[in-house]
Amino acid sequence: MQVNDTLATIGDLKTSEKAADLGLPQDKVALVYDYFHQAAIAYAISTQFVGPGWDTSSNKTTDSTSDSERESLSSAFPELDPIDMMSRRSTLYDLLQIAQGETRDAAGMIKTL
């Protein structure tokens, strides 16, 4: 939640576009916000994979992701390895790596502004 709050206080693309009119390159500003947006999505989705899931067929906790979770992940992040998406723990790790990479890419782009 803290990450989402932090990203929300950064601003929005329309405000940044006004700043871009004052000399910042609009394409780079838009790219920075795209990186932040992807990081926010990865962080938000990752929270549902913390800890074990519940397998209703066996009435036990499990580290396996459900079919619907895997479908949702595939559509949001097609670059994720389908084998790794079978494990909640691996999925959490991969999503956090994506968020970290997107944040690192945004920081690199900000340095060029």
N, C-alpha and C. Protein backbone atom coordinates (compact mmCIF):
# COMPACT_ATOMS: atom_id res chain seq x y z
N MET A 1 0.82 -1.19 0.00
CA MET A 1 0.00 0.00 0.00
C MET A 1 0.87 1.26 0.00
N GLN A 2 1.97 1.24 0.76
CA GLN A 2 2.84 2.40 0.83
C GLN A 2 3.42 2.73 -0.54
N VAL A 3 3.78 1.69 -1.32
CA VAL A 3 4.32 1.91 -2.65
C VAL A 3 3.29 2.59 -3.53
N ASN A 4 2.06 2.09 -3.51
CA ASN A 4 1.00 2.70 -4.32
C ASN A 4 0.78 4.15 -3.92
N ASP A 5 0.79 4.44 -2.61
CA ASP A 5 0.62 5.81 -2.15
C ASP A 5 1.75 6.70 -2.65
N THR A 6 2.97 6.18 -2.59
CA THR A 6 4.12 6.95 -3.05
C THR A 6 4.01 7.24 -4.54
N LEU A 7 3.68 6.21 -5.32
CA LEU A 7 3.55 6.42 -6.76
C LEU A 7 2.42 7.38 -7.08
N ALA A 8 1.34 7.32 -6.31
CA ALA A 8 0.20 8.21 -6.56
C ALA A 8 0.57 9.66 -6.29
N THR A 9 1.46 9.93 -5.34
CA THR A 9 1.82 11.31 -5.03
C THR A 9 2.82 11.89 -6.03
N ILE A 10 3.41 11.05 -6.87
CA ILE A 10 4.35 11.55 -7.86
C ILE A 10 3.65 12.48 -8.84
N GLY A 11 2.45 12.16 -9.19
CA GLY A 11 1.70 12.98 -10.13
C GLY A 11 1.08 12.12 -11.20
N ASP A 12 0.60 12.76 -12.21
CA ASP A 12 0.02 12.01 -13.32
C ASP A 12 0.62 12.49 -14.62
N LEU A 13 0.36 11.76 -15.67
CA LEU A 13 0.97 12.06 -16.96
C LEU A 13 0.54 13.42 -17.49
N LYS A 14 -0.71 13.81 -17.30
CA LYS A 14 -1.16 15.11 -17.81
C LYS A 14 -0.39 16.26 -17.15
N THR A 15 -0.18 16.17 -15.83
CA THR A 15 0.61 17.19 -15.14
C THR A 15 2.03 17.19 -15.67
N SER A 16 2.57 16.00 -15.87
CA SER A 16 3.93 15.89 -16.38
C SER A 16 4.04 16.40 -17.80
N GLU A 17 2.99 16.22 -18.59
CA GLU A 17 3.01 16.74 -19.95
C GLU A 17 3.07 18.26 -19.94
N LYS A 18 2.40 18.89 -18.96
CA LYS A 18 2.50 20.35 -18.83
C LYS A 18 3.93 20.74 -18.53
N ALA A 19 4.59 19.97 -17.64
CA ALA A 19 5.99 20.23 -17.32
C ALA A 19 6.86 20.00 -18.55
N ALA A 20 6.50 19.01 -19.35
CA ALA A 20 7.25 18.72 -20.56
C ALA A 20 7.17 19.89 -21.54
N ASP A 21 6.04 20.58 -21.54
CA ASP A 21 5.91 21.76 -22.40
C ASP A 21 6.89 22.85 -21.97
N LEU A 22 7.37 22.76 -20.75
CA LEU A 22 8.31 23.75 -20.24
C LEU A 22 9.76 23.35 -20.50
N GLY A 23 9.96 22.31 -21.31
CA GLY A 23 11.32 21.96 -21.67
C GLY A 23 11.69 20.50 -21.49
N LEU A 24 10.89 19.73 -20.77
CA LEU A 24 11.20 18.31 -20.63
C LEU A 24 10.67 17.56 -21.84
N PRO A 25 11.43 16.60 -22.34
CA PRO A 25 10.97 15.84 -23.51
C PRO A 25 9.77 14.96 -23.17
N GLN A 26 8.64 15.19 -23.84
CA GLN A 26 7.41 14.48 -23.53
C GLN A 26 7.53 12.98 -23.67
N ASP A 27 8.26 12.51 -24.66
CA ASP A 27 8.38 11.07 -24.86
C ASP A 27 9.08 10.40 -23.68
N LYS A 28 10.09 11.07 -23.12
CA LYS A 28 10.81 10.50 -21.98
C LYS A 28 9.95 10.55 -20.71
N VAL A 29 9.22 11.63 -20.55
CA VAL A 29 8.33 11.75 -19.38
C VAL A 29 7.27 10.65 -19.43
N ALA A 30 6.69 10.43 -20.60
CA ALA A 30 5.68 9.38 -20.75
C ALA A 30 6.28 8.01 -20.46
N LEU A 31 7.51 7.78 -20.89
CA LEU A 31 8.16 6.51 -20.65
C LEU A 31 8.43 6.28 -19.16
N VAL A 32 8.82 7.33 -18.46
CA VAL A 32 9.03 7.22 -17.01
C VAL A 32 7.74 6.80 -16.32
N TYR A 33 6.64 7.42 -16.70
CA TYR A 33 5.36 7.08 -16.08
C TYR A 33 4.91 5.68 -16.46
N ASP A 34 5.25 5.23 -17.66
CA ASP A 34 4.93 3.87 -18.04
C ASP A 34 5.72 2.88 -17.17
N TYR A 35 6.99 3.17 -16.94
CA TYR A 35 7.79 2.31 -16.04
C TYR A 35 7.17 2.26 -14.65
N PHE A 36 6.83 3.43 -14.11
CA PHE A 36 6.22 3.48 -12.78
C PHE A 36 4.89 2.74 -12.75
N HIS A 37 4.12 2.88 -13.81
CA HIS A 37 2.81 2.21 -13.89
C HIS A 37 2.99 0.69 -13.86
N GLN A 38 3.92 0.18 -14.66
CA GLN A 38 4.17 -1.26 -14.68
C GLN A 38 4.67 -1.75 -13.32
N ALA A 39 5.52 -0.97 -12.67
CA ALA A 39 6.01 -1.33 -11.33
C ALA A 39 4.85 -1.38 -10.34
N ALA A 40 3.96 -0.41 -10.40
CA ALA A 40 2.81 -0.37 -9.49
C ALA A 40 1.91 -1.59 -9.70
N ILE A 41 1.69 -1.97 -10.96
CA ILE A 41 0.87 -3.15 -11.24
C ILE A 41 1.53 -4.40 -10.66
N ALA A 42 2.83 -4.54 -10.89
CA ALA A 42 3.55 -5.72 -10.39
C ALA A 42 3.48 -5.78 -8.86
N TYR A 43 3.71 -4.66 -8.20
CA TYR A 43 3.61 -4.63 -6.74
C TYR A 43 2.20 -4.97 -6.26
N ALA A 44 1.21 -4.39 -6.90
CA ALA A 44 -0.18 -4.63 -6.48
C ALA A 44 -0.57 -6.09 -6.64
N ILE A 45 -0.22 -6.68 -7.77
CA ILE A 45 -0.55 -8.09 -8.01
C ILE A 45 0.23 -9.00 -7.08
N SER A 46 1.47 -8.63 -6.77
CA SER A 46 2.33 -9.50 -5.96
C SER A 46 1.75 -9.77 -4.58
N THR A 47 0.98 -8.85 -4.05
CA THR A 47 0.47 -9.02 -2.69
C THR A 47 -0.43 -10.24 -2.53
N GLN A 48 -1.08 -10.65 -3.62
CA GLN A 48 -1.96 -11.81 -3.53
C GLN A 48 -1.19 -13.13 -3.49
N PHE A 49 0.13 -13.09 -3.71
CA PHE A 49 0.93 -14.31 -3.71
C PHE A 49 1.79 -14.45 -2.46
N VAL A 50 1.61 -13.57 -1.50
CA VAL A 50 2.33 -13.67 -0.23
C VAL A 50 1.68 -14.77 0.60
N GLY A 51 2.47 -15.74 0.99
CA GLY A 51 1.96 -16.84 1.79
C GLY A 51 1.28 -17.90 0.96
N PRO A 52 0.85 -18.95 1.61
CA PRO A 52 0.23 -20.07 0.88
C PRO A 52 -1.19 -19.71 0.41
N GLY A 53 -1.62 -20.41 -0.62
CA GLY A 53 -2.98 -20.28 -1.11
C GLY A 53 -3.83 -21.40 -0.52
N TRP A 54 -5.07 -21.42 -0.88
CA TRP A 54 -5.98 -22.45 -0.37
C TRP A 54 -6.47 -23.30 -1.54
N ASP A 55 -6.28 -24.60 -1.42
CA ASP A 55 -6.76 -25.55 -2.42
C ASP A 55 -8.10 -26.09 -1.94
N THR A 56 -9.16 -25.67 -2.60
CA THR A 56 -10.50 -26.07 -2.16
C THR A 56 -10.77 -27.56 -2.37
N SER A 57 -10.13 -28.15 -3.37
CA SER A 57 -10.39 -29.57 -3.62
C SER A 57 -9.80 -30.47 -2.52
N SER A 58 -8.65 -30.06 -1.95
CA SER A 58 -8.05 -30.88 -0.89
C SER A 58 -8.25 -30.28 0.50
N ASN A 59 -8.83 -29.08 0.55
CA ASN A 59 -9.00 -28.36 1.82
C ASN A 59 -7.69 -28.21 2.58
N LYS A 60 -6.64 -27.87 1.83
CA LYS A 60 -5.32 -27.65 2.42
C LYS A 60 -4.68 -26.42 1.81
N THR A 61 -3.70 -25.88 2.53
CA THR A 61 -2.94 -24.78 1.96
C THR A 61 -1.98 -25.34 0.91
N THR A 62 -1.61 -24.48 -0.03
CA THR A 62 -0.75 -24.91 -1.12
C THR A 62 0.13 -23.77 -1.59
N ASP A 63 1.26 -24.13 -2.20
CA ASP A 63 2.13 -23.13 -2.83
C ASP A 63 1.78 -22.97 -4.31
N SER A 64 0.84 -23.75 -4.80
CA SER A 64 0.47 -23.71 -6.22
C SER A 64 -0.47 -22.55 -6.50
N THR A 65 -0.30 -21.96 -7.67
CA THR A 65 -1.22 -20.91 -8.11
C THR A 65 -2.42 -21.56 -8.78
N SER A 66 -3.51 -20.86 -8.79
CA SER A 66 -4.71 -21.39 -9.44
C SER A 66 -4.67 -21.09 -10.94
N ASP A 67 -5.51 -21.75 -11.69
CA ASP A 67 -5.59 -21.52 -13.13
C ASP A 67 -5.93 -20.06 -13.43
N SER A 68 -6.88 -19.51 -12.68
CA SER A 68 -7.28 -18.12 -12.93
C SER A 68 -6.15 -17.14 -12.59
N GLU A 69 -5.38 -17.44 -11.55
CA GLU A 69 -4.22 -16.58 -11.22
C GLU A 69 -3.20 -16.62 -12.35
N ARG A 70 -2.93 -17.80 -12.88
CA ARG A 70 -1.95 -17.93 -13.96
C ARG A 70 -2.43 -17.21 -15.22
N GLU A 71 -3.71 -17.31 -15.53
CA GLU A 71 -4.26 -16.61 -16.69
C GLU A 71 -4.14 -15.10 -16.52
N SER A 72 -4.47 -14.62 -15.34
CA SER A 72 -4.37 -13.19 -15.04
C SER A 72 -2.92 -12.71 -15.16
N LEU A 73 -2.00 -13.49 -14.62
CA LEU A 73 -0.58 -13.14 -14.70
C LEU A 73 -0.08 -13.13 -16.13
N SER A 74 -0.49 -14.12 -16.90
CA SER A 74 -0.05 -14.20 -18.30
C SER A 74 -0.50 -13.00 -19.11
N SER A 75 -1.71 -12.54 -18.84
CA SER A 75 -2.20 -11.38 -19.60
C SER A 75 -1.52 -10.09 -19.14
N ALA A 76 -1.24 -9.96 -17.86
CA ALA A 76 -0.59 -8.74 -17.35
C ALA A 76 0.91 -8.72 -17.63
N PHE A 77 1.54 -9.89 -17.53
CA PHE A 77 2.99 -9.98 -17.70
C PHE A 77 3.34 -11.20 -18.55
N PRO A 78 3.21 -11.08 -19.86
CA PRO A 78 3.48 -12.24 -20.73
C PRO A 78 4.92 -12.73 -20.66
N GLU A 79 5.82 -11.89 -20.15
CA GLU A 79 7.22 -12.29 -20.07
C GLU A 79 7.52 -13.27 -18.93
N LEU A 80 6.55 -13.48 -18.03
CA LEU A 80 6.76 -14.43 -16.94
C LEU A 80 6.81 -15.85 -17.47
N ASP A 81 7.67 -16.65 -16.89
CA ASP A 81 7.83 -18.05 -17.28
C ASP A 81 6.63 -18.85 -16.76
N PRO A 82 5.90 -19.53 -17.64
CA PRO A 82 4.72 -20.30 -17.21
C PRO A 82 5.03 -21.35 -16.15
N ILE A 83 6.21 -21.94 -16.20
CA ILE A 83 6.59 -22.95 -15.20
C ILE A 83 6.72 -22.30 -13.83
N ASP A 84 7.38 -21.13 -13.77
CA ASP A 84 7.53 -20.43 -12.49
C ASP A 84 6.20 -19.98 -11.93
N MET A 85 5.22 -19.73 -12.81
CA MET A 85 3.91 -19.27 -12.33
C MET A 85 3.13 -20.37 -11.62
N MET A 86 3.65 -21.58 -11.64
CA MET A 86 2.98 -22.67 -10.95
C MET A 86 3.15 -22.52 -9.42
N SER A 87 4.20 -21.84 -9.01
CA SER A 87 4.51 -21.67 -7.59
C SER A 87 4.22 -20.25 -7.14
N ARG A 88 3.51 -20.11 -6.05
CA ARG A 88 3.21 -18.79 -5.50
C ARG A 88 4.50 -18.06 -5.14
N ARG A 89 5.40 -18.79 -4.53
CA ARG A 89 6.68 -18.21 -4.09
C ARG A 89 7.48 -17.69 -5.29
N SER A 90 7.57 -18.50 -6.35
CA SER A 90 8.30 -18.08 -7.55
C SER A 90 7.60 -16.90 -8.23
N THR A 91 6.29 -16.93 -8.25
CA THR A 91 5.54 -15.84 -8.86
C THR A 91 5.77 -14.54 -8.11
N LEU A 92 5.73 -14.60 -6.79
CA LEU A 92 5.98 -13.42 -5.97
C LEU A 92 7.37 -12.86 -6.27
N TYR A 93 8.36 -13.73 -6.29
CA TYR A 93 9.74 -13.31 -6.57
C TYR A 93 9.82 -12.66 -7.96
N ASP A 94 9.24 -13.30 -8.96
CA ASP A 94 9.29 -12.76 -10.32
C ASP A 94 8.61 -11.40 -10.44
N LEU A 95 7.46 -11.24 -9.80
CA LEU A 95 6.76 -9.96 -9.84
C LEU A 95 7.57 -8.86 -9.16
N LEU A 96 8.20 -9.19 -8.06
CA LEU A 96 9.03 -8.19 -7.38
C LEU A 96 10.26 -7.84 -8.21
N GLN A 97 10.79 -8.80 -8.94
CA GLN A 97 11.91 -8.53 -9.84
C GLN A 97 11.48 -7.61 -10.98
N ILE A 98 10.29 -7.85 -11.51
CA ILE A 98 9.75 -6.97 -12.56
C ILE A 98 9.59 -5.56 -12.03
N ALA A 99 8.99 -5.43 -10.85
CA ALA A 99 8.78 -4.10 -10.27
C ALA A 99 10.10 -3.39 -10.04
N GLN A 100 11.07 -4.13 -9.54
CA GLN A 100 12.39 -3.55 -9.29
C GLN A 100 13.05 -3.11 -10.60
N GLY A 101 12.94 -3.94 -11.63
CA GLY A 101 13.51 -3.59 -12.93
C GLY A 101 12.86 -2.36 -13.54
N GLU A 102 11.53 -2.29 -13.45
CA GLU A 102 10.81 -1.13 -13.98
C GLU A 102 11.20 0.15 -13.24
N THR A 103 11.35 0.04 -11.93
CA THR A 103 11.75 1.19 -11.12
C THR A 103 13.17 1.62 -11.48
N ARG A 104 14.05 0.64 -11.67
CA ARG A 104 15.44 0.94 -12.07
C ARG A 104 15.47 1.61 -13.44
N ASP A 105 14.63 1.12 -14.38
CA ASP A 105 14.57 1.73 -15.70
C ASP A 105 14.04 3.17 -15.63
N ALA A 106 13.05 3.39 -14.76
CA ALA A 106 12.52 4.75 -14.59
C ALA A 106 13.60 5.66 -14.04
N ALA A 107 14.35 5.18 -13.05
CA ALA A 107 15.42 6.00 -12.47
C ALA A 107 16.46 6.34 -13.51
N GLY A 108 16.80 5.38 -14.36
CA GLY A 108 17.75 5.65 -15.42
C GLY A 108 17.25 6.68 -16.40
N MET A 109 15.96 6.61 -16.74
CA MET A 109 15.39 7.57 -17.67
C MET A 109 15.31 8.95 -17.03
N ILE A 110 14.99 9.02 -15.75
CA ILE A 110 14.92 10.32 -15.06
C ILE A 110 16.27 11.01 -15.10
N LYS A 111 17.33 10.25 -14.99
CA LYS A 111 18.69 10.84 -15.03
C LYS A 111 18.97 11.51 -16.38
N THR A 112 18.28 11.07 -17.42
CA THR A 112 18.51 11.66 -18.75
C THR A 112 17.67 12.91 -18.99
N LEU A 113 16.72 13.18 -18.10
CA LEU A 113 15.86 14.36 -18.30
C LEU A 113 16.58 15.65 -17.99
